N, C-alpha and C. Protein backbone atom coordinates (compact mmCIF):
# COMPACT_ATOMS: atom_id res chain seq x y z
N MET A 1 0.85 -1.18 0.00
CA MET A 1 0.00 0.00 0.00
C MET A 1 0.89 1.24 0.00
N PRO A 2 0.56 2.23 -0.81
CA PRO A 2 1.36 3.47 -0.83
C PRO A 2 1.30 4.17 0.54
N LYS A 3 2.32 4.96 0.82
CA LYS A 3 2.44 5.64 2.11
C LYS A 3 1.23 6.53 2.40
N ARG A 4 0.73 7.23 1.42
CA ARG A 4 -0.43 8.10 1.64
C ARG A 4 -1.65 7.31 2.10
N GLU A 5 -1.87 6.18 1.51
CA GLU A 5 -3.02 5.36 1.90
C GLU A 5 -2.84 4.82 3.31
N LEU A 6 -1.61 4.43 3.66
CA LEU A 6 -1.34 3.96 5.01
C LEU A 6 -1.59 5.06 6.03
N ASP A 7 -1.13 6.28 5.72
CA ASP A 7 -1.35 7.42 6.61
C ASP A 7 -2.85 7.68 6.76
N ARG A 8 -3.57 7.61 5.67
CA ARG A 8 -5.01 7.85 5.71
C ARG A 8 -5.71 6.80 6.55
N GLU A 9 -5.34 5.54 6.38
CA GLU A 9 -5.93 4.45 7.16
C GLU A 9 -5.65 4.64 8.66
N ARG A 10 -4.43 5.04 8.98
CA ARG A 10 -4.06 5.26 10.38
C ARG A 10 -4.86 6.44 10.96
N ASP A 11 -5.01 7.51 10.18
CA ASP A 11 -5.80 8.67 10.64
C ASP A 11 -7.25 8.28 10.88
N LEU A 12 -7.82 7.49 10.00
CA LEU A 12 -9.21 7.05 10.16
C LEU A 12 -9.36 6.16 11.39
N ALA A 13 -8.39 5.29 11.63
CA ALA A 13 -8.43 4.43 12.81
C ALA A 13 -8.36 5.27 14.08
N THR A 14 -7.55 6.32 14.07
CA THR A 14 -7.43 7.21 15.22
C THR A 14 -8.74 7.94 15.46
N LEU A 15 -9.40 8.38 14.40
CA LEU A 15 -10.68 9.07 14.54
C LEU A 15 -11.73 8.17 15.16
N ASP A 16 -11.69 6.88 14.85
CA ASP A 16 -12.65 5.95 15.43
C ASP A 16 -12.47 5.84 16.94
N GLN A 17 -11.27 6.08 17.43
CA GLN A 17 -10.98 5.92 18.86
C GLN A 17 -11.25 7.19 19.66
N VAL A 18 -11.39 8.32 18.99
CA VAL A 18 -11.60 9.59 19.67
C VAL A 18 -13.05 9.66 20.14
N ARG A 19 -13.22 9.97 21.41
CA ARG A 19 -14.56 10.14 21.97
C ARG A 19 -14.89 11.62 22.00
N VAL A 20 -16.03 11.95 21.48
CA VAL A 20 -16.47 13.34 21.49
C VAL A 20 -17.59 13.44 22.51
N GLU A 21 -17.37 14.28 23.50
CA GLU A 21 -18.39 14.46 24.52
C GLU A 21 -19.32 15.59 24.13
N ARG A 22 -20.58 15.43 24.48
CA ARG A 22 -21.53 16.51 24.26
C ARG A 22 -21.22 17.64 25.21
N PRO A 23 -21.37 18.87 24.75
CA PRO A 23 -21.11 19.99 25.66
C PRO A 23 -22.16 20.01 26.78
N ARG A 24 -21.74 20.46 27.93
CA ARG A 24 -22.68 20.58 29.05
C ARG A 24 -23.69 21.66 28.72
N LEU A 25 -24.89 21.48 29.26
CA LEU A 25 -25.95 22.45 29.03
C LEU A 25 -26.16 23.30 30.26
N TYR A 26 -26.60 24.53 30.02
CA TYR A 26 -26.80 25.50 31.10
C TYR A 26 -28.20 26.09 31.00
N GLU A 27 -28.81 26.30 32.16
CA GLU A 27 -30.14 26.89 32.24
C GLU A 27 -30.03 28.40 32.43
N VAL A 28 -30.85 29.12 31.72
CA VAL A 28 -31.00 30.55 31.95
C VAL A 28 -32.19 30.69 32.88
N VAL A 29 -31.96 31.25 34.07
CA VAL A 29 -32.98 31.31 35.12
C VAL A 29 -33.38 32.76 35.37
N LEU A 30 -34.68 33.00 35.38
CA LEU A 30 -35.21 34.31 35.75
C LEU A 30 -35.61 34.26 37.22
N HIS A 31 -35.35 35.35 37.94
CA HIS A 31 -35.62 35.40 39.38
C HIS A 31 -36.72 36.42 39.68
N ASN A 32 -37.55 36.08 40.63
CA ASN A 32 -38.66 36.95 41.02
C ASN A 32 -38.15 38.19 41.77
N ASP A 33 -38.84 39.28 41.59
CA ASP A 33 -38.61 40.47 42.39
C ASP A 33 -39.96 41.17 42.56
N ASP A 34 -39.99 42.19 43.38
CA ASP A 34 -41.25 42.86 43.70
C ASP A 34 -41.63 43.98 42.73
N TYR A 35 -40.82 44.24 41.71
CA TYR A 35 -41.06 45.40 40.87
C TYR A 35 -41.27 45.09 39.39
N THR A 36 -40.59 44.08 38.87
CA THR A 36 -40.73 43.75 37.45
C THR A 36 -42.15 43.23 37.21
N THR A 37 -42.80 43.78 36.22
CA THR A 37 -44.18 43.37 35.96
C THR A 37 -44.23 41.99 35.31
N GLN A 38 -45.35 41.32 35.55
CA GLN A 38 -45.54 40.00 34.95
C GLN A 38 -45.58 40.12 33.42
N GLU A 39 -46.17 41.17 32.92
CA GLU A 39 -46.26 41.38 31.48
C GLU A 39 -44.87 41.53 30.87
N PHE A 40 -43.98 42.22 31.59
CA PHE A 40 -42.62 42.40 31.09
C PHE A 40 -41.90 41.05 31.02
N VAL A 41 -42.06 40.22 32.04
CA VAL A 41 -41.43 38.90 32.05
C VAL A 41 -41.94 38.06 30.89
N VAL A 42 -43.24 38.07 30.66
CA VAL A 42 -43.81 37.31 29.53
C VAL A 42 -43.21 37.82 28.22
N TYR A 43 -43.12 39.13 28.07
CA TYR A 43 -42.56 39.70 26.85
C TYR A 43 -41.10 39.27 26.65
N VAL A 44 -40.31 39.30 27.73
CA VAL A 44 -38.91 38.88 27.66
C VAL A 44 -38.81 37.42 27.24
N LEU A 45 -39.66 36.59 27.80
CA LEU A 45 -39.63 35.16 27.46
C LEU A 45 -39.97 34.93 25.99
N MET A 46 -40.86 35.72 25.45
CA MET A 46 -41.23 35.59 24.05
C MET A 46 -40.14 36.20 23.14
N LYS A 47 -39.61 37.34 23.52
CA LYS A 47 -38.63 38.06 22.69
C LYS A 47 -37.27 37.36 22.65
N PHE A 48 -36.75 36.97 23.80
CA PHE A 48 -35.39 36.43 23.86
C PHE A 48 -35.31 34.91 23.82
N PHE A 49 -36.40 34.23 24.18
CA PHE A 49 -36.37 32.77 24.26
C PHE A 49 -37.35 32.10 23.30
N GLN A 50 -38.04 32.90 22.50
CA GLN A 50 -38.96 32.44 21.47
C GLN A 50 -40.06 31.51 21.98
N HIS A 51 -40.53 31.76 23.21
CA HIS A 51 -41.65 30.98 23.74
C HIS A 51 -42.95 31.56 23.20
N ASP A 52 -43.95 30.70 23.02
CA ASP A 52 -45.27 31.21 22.66
C ASP A 52 -45.90 31.82 23.92
N ALA A 53 -47.00 32.52 23.75
CA ALA A 53 -47.61 33.25 24.86
C ALA A 53 -48.00 32.34 26.02
N ALA A 54 -48.55 31.18 25.72
CA ALA A 54 -48.99 30.26 26.79
C ALA A 54 -47.80 29.73 27.59
N THR A 55 -46.74 29.34 26.91
CA THR A 55 -45.55 28.83 27.60
C THR A 55 -44.89 29.94 28.40
N ALA A 56 -44.81 31.13 27.82
CA ALA A 56 -44.22 32.27 28.53
C ALA A 56 -45.01 32.59 29.79
N GLN A 57 -46.32 32.52 29.70
CA GLN A 57 -47.19 32.76 30.86
C GLN A 57 -46.92 31.74 31.96
N GLN A 58 -46.76 30.47 31.58
CA GLN A 58 -46.51 29.41 32.57
C GLN A 58 -45.16 29.60 33.25
N ILE A 59 -44.14 29.93 32.48
CA ILE A 59 -42.81 30.16 33.08
C ILE A 59 -42.87 31.37 34.00
N MET A 60 -43.54 32.42 33.57
CA MET A 60 -43.67 33.62 34.40
C MET A 60 -44.35 33.28 35.73
N LEU A 61 -45.38 32.43 35.68
CA LEU A 61 -46.05 32.03 36.92
C LEU A 61 -45.11 31.24 37.83
N ASN A 62 -44.24 30.43 37.27
CA ASN A 62 -43.22 29.74 38.07
C ASN A 62 -42.29 30.74 38.73
N VAL A 63 -41.87 31.74 37.97
CA VAL A 63 -41.00 32.78 38.53
C VAL A 63 -41.72 33.48 39.68
N HIS A 64 -42.98 33.80 39.47
CA HIS A 64 -43.76 34.54 40.46
C HIS A 64 -44.05 33.70 41.71
N THR A 65 -44.42 32.44 41.54
CA THR A 65 -44.84 31.63 42.70
C THR A 65 -43.70 30.86 43.35
N LYS A 66 -42.69 30.47 42.58
CA LYS A 66 -41.60 29.65 43.12
C LYS A 66 -40.31 30.44 43.31
N GLY A 67 -40.31 31.69 42.85
CA GLY A 67 -39.14 32.52 43.03
C GLY A 67 -38.17 32.50 41.86
N MET A 68 -38.32 31.53 40.98
CA MET A 68 -37.46 31.44 39.81
C MET A 68 -38.09 30.53 38.78
N GLY A 69 -37.65 30.67 37.55
CA GLY A 69 -38.14 29.82 36.47
C GLY A 69 -37.09 29.72 35.39
N VAL A 70 -37.03 28.55 34.75
CA VAL A 70 -36.06 28.33 33.69
C VAL A 70 -36.63 28.86 32.37
N ALA A 71 -35.91 29.81 31.80
CA ALA A 71 -36.34 30.41 30.55
C ALA A 71 -35.90 29.58 29.35
N GLY A 72 -34.77 28.91 29.47
CA GLY A 72 -34.26 28.09 28.38
C GLY A 72 -33.00 27.36 28.77
N VAL A 73 -32.62 26.38 27.95
CA VAL A 73 -31.42 25.57 28.19
C VAL A 73 -30.56 25.63 26.94
N TYR A 74 -29.28 25.97 27.13
CA TYR A 74 -28.39 26.21 26.00
C TYR A 74 -26.97 25.80 26.36
N SER A 75 -26.08 25.85 25.37
CA SER A 75 -24.66 25.71 25.66
C SER A 75 -24.26 26.92 26.51
N ARG A 76 -23.12 26.83 27.14
CA ARG A 76 -22.71 27.86 28.10
C ARG A 76 -22.63 29.25 27.47
N ASP A 77 -21.97 29.36 26.33
CA ASP A 77 -21.80 30.68 25.70
C ASP A 77 -23.13 31.31 25.33
N ILE A 78 -24.02 30.52 24.78
CA ILE A 78 -25.32 31.06 24.38
C ILE A 78 -26.13 31.44 25.61
N ALA A 79 -26.10 30.61 26.66
CA ALA A 79 -26.83 30.92 27.89
C ALA A 79 -26.34 32.22 28.50
N GLU A 80 -25.03 32.39 28.58
CA GLU A 80 -24.48 33.62 29.16
C GLU A 80 -24.82 34.85 28.31
N THR A 81 -24.82 34.68 27.00
CA THR A 81 -25.17 35.79 26.12
C THR A 81 -26.63 36.18 26.31
N LYS A 82 -27.51 35.20 26.35
CA LYS A 82 -28.94 35.48 26.53
C LYS A 82 -29.19 36.15 27.87
N ALA A 83 -28.55 35.66 28.93
CA ALA A 83 -28.73 36.27 30.25
C ALA A 83 -28.28 37.73 30.24
N ALA A 84 -27.16 38.01 29.61
CA ALA A 84 -26.67 39.39 29.53
C ALA A 84 -27.63 40.27 28.71
N GLN A 85 -28.16 39.72 27.63
CA GLN A 85 -29.12 40.48 26.82
C GLN A 85 -30.37 40.82 27.62
N VAL A 86 -30.86 39.84 28.39
CA VAL A 86 -32.07 40.06 29.19
C VAL A 86 -31.83 41.14 30.24
N VAL A 87 -30.72 41.05 30.95
CA VAL A 87 -30.43 42.04 31.99
C VAL A 87 -30.26 43.43 31.38
N ARG A 88 -29.56 43.52 30.27
CA ARG A 88 -29.38 44.82 29.61
C ARG A 88 -30.73 45.39 29.16
N TYR A 89 -31.57 44.54 28.58
CA TYR A 89 -32.90 44.99 28.14
C TYR A 89 -33.75 45.43 29.33
N ALA A 90 -33.68 44.67 30.42
CA ALA A 90 -34.45 45.03 31.62
C ALA A 90 -33.99 46.38 32.16
N ARG A 91 -32.68 46.60 32.26
CA ARG A 91 -32.18 47.87 32.78
C ARG A 91 -32.56 49.03 31.86
N ASP A 92 -32.48 48.78 30.55
CA ASP A 92 -32.87 49.82 29.59
C ASP A 92 -34.33 50.22 29.76
N ASN A 93 -35.14 49.29 30.28
CA ASN A 93 -36.56 49.54 30.50
C ASN A 93 -36.89 49.77 31.97
N GLU A 94 -35.83 50.06 32.75
CA GLU A 94 -35.95 50.39 34.17
C GLU A 94 -36.65 49.30 34.99
N MET A 95 -36.32 48.07 34.67
CA MET A 95 -36.84 46.91 35.43
C MET A 95 -35.66 46.23 36.11
N PRO A 96 -35.84 45.78 37.36
CA PRO A 96 -34.74 45.13 38.09
C PRO A 96 -34.67 43.62 37.89
N LEU A 97 -35.26 43.10 36.83
CA LEU A 97 -35.28 41.66 36.58
C LEU A 97 -33.88 41.08 36.66
N ARG A 98 -33.75 40.01 37.44
CA ARG A 98 -32.47 39.32 37.58
C ARG A 98 -32.50 38.05 36.75
N CYS A 99 -31.37 37.71 36.20
CA CYS A 99 -31.24 36.54 35.33
C CYS A 99 -29.90 35.91 35.63
N SER A 100 -29.88 34.59 35.77
CA SER A 100 -28.61 33.92 36.05
C SER A 100 -28.47 32.69 35.15
N VAL A 101 -27.27 32.13 35.16
CA VAL A 101 -26.97 30.92 34.38
C VAL A 101 -26.45 29.88 35.35
N GLN A 102 -27.00 28.68 35.25
CA GLN A 102 -26.52 27.58 36.08
C GLN A 102 -26.43 26.31 35.26
N ARG A 103 -25.44 25.49 35.61
CA ARG A 103 -25.28 24.23 34.89
C ARG A 103 -26.48 23.34 35.12
N GLN A 104 -26.98 22.74 34.07
CA GLN A 104 -28.16 21.88 34.17
C GLN A 104 -27.77 20.60 34.92
N SER A 105 -28.59 20.23 35.88
CA SER A 105 -28.35 18.98 36.58
C SER A 105 -28.83 17.83 35.71
N CYS A 106 -28.05 16.79 35.70
CA CYS A 106 -28.38 15.66 34.79
C CYS A 106 -29.45 14.75 35.33
């Protein structure tokens, strides 16, 4: 077998042995406060997380009654970006809505 073919076969064999792990997922969590309106939370859930009105309403009720609610689950970079966008949008609209990112429990 020519050297190039041998190298290619060895590279393919090495690729078969490489394990690719799925990236960990992170939750974007909205936190309840006494000032942010429920309507604003629903709007944020629809605007930044593409939830329909009914799903956004349900998540908002979780935030309101349980103190927090998961807005979405993403890779770390996307979750952190979305959380930053939400906080910036809330501040621009004079709302104290808090948003955090936490690793999803398996």
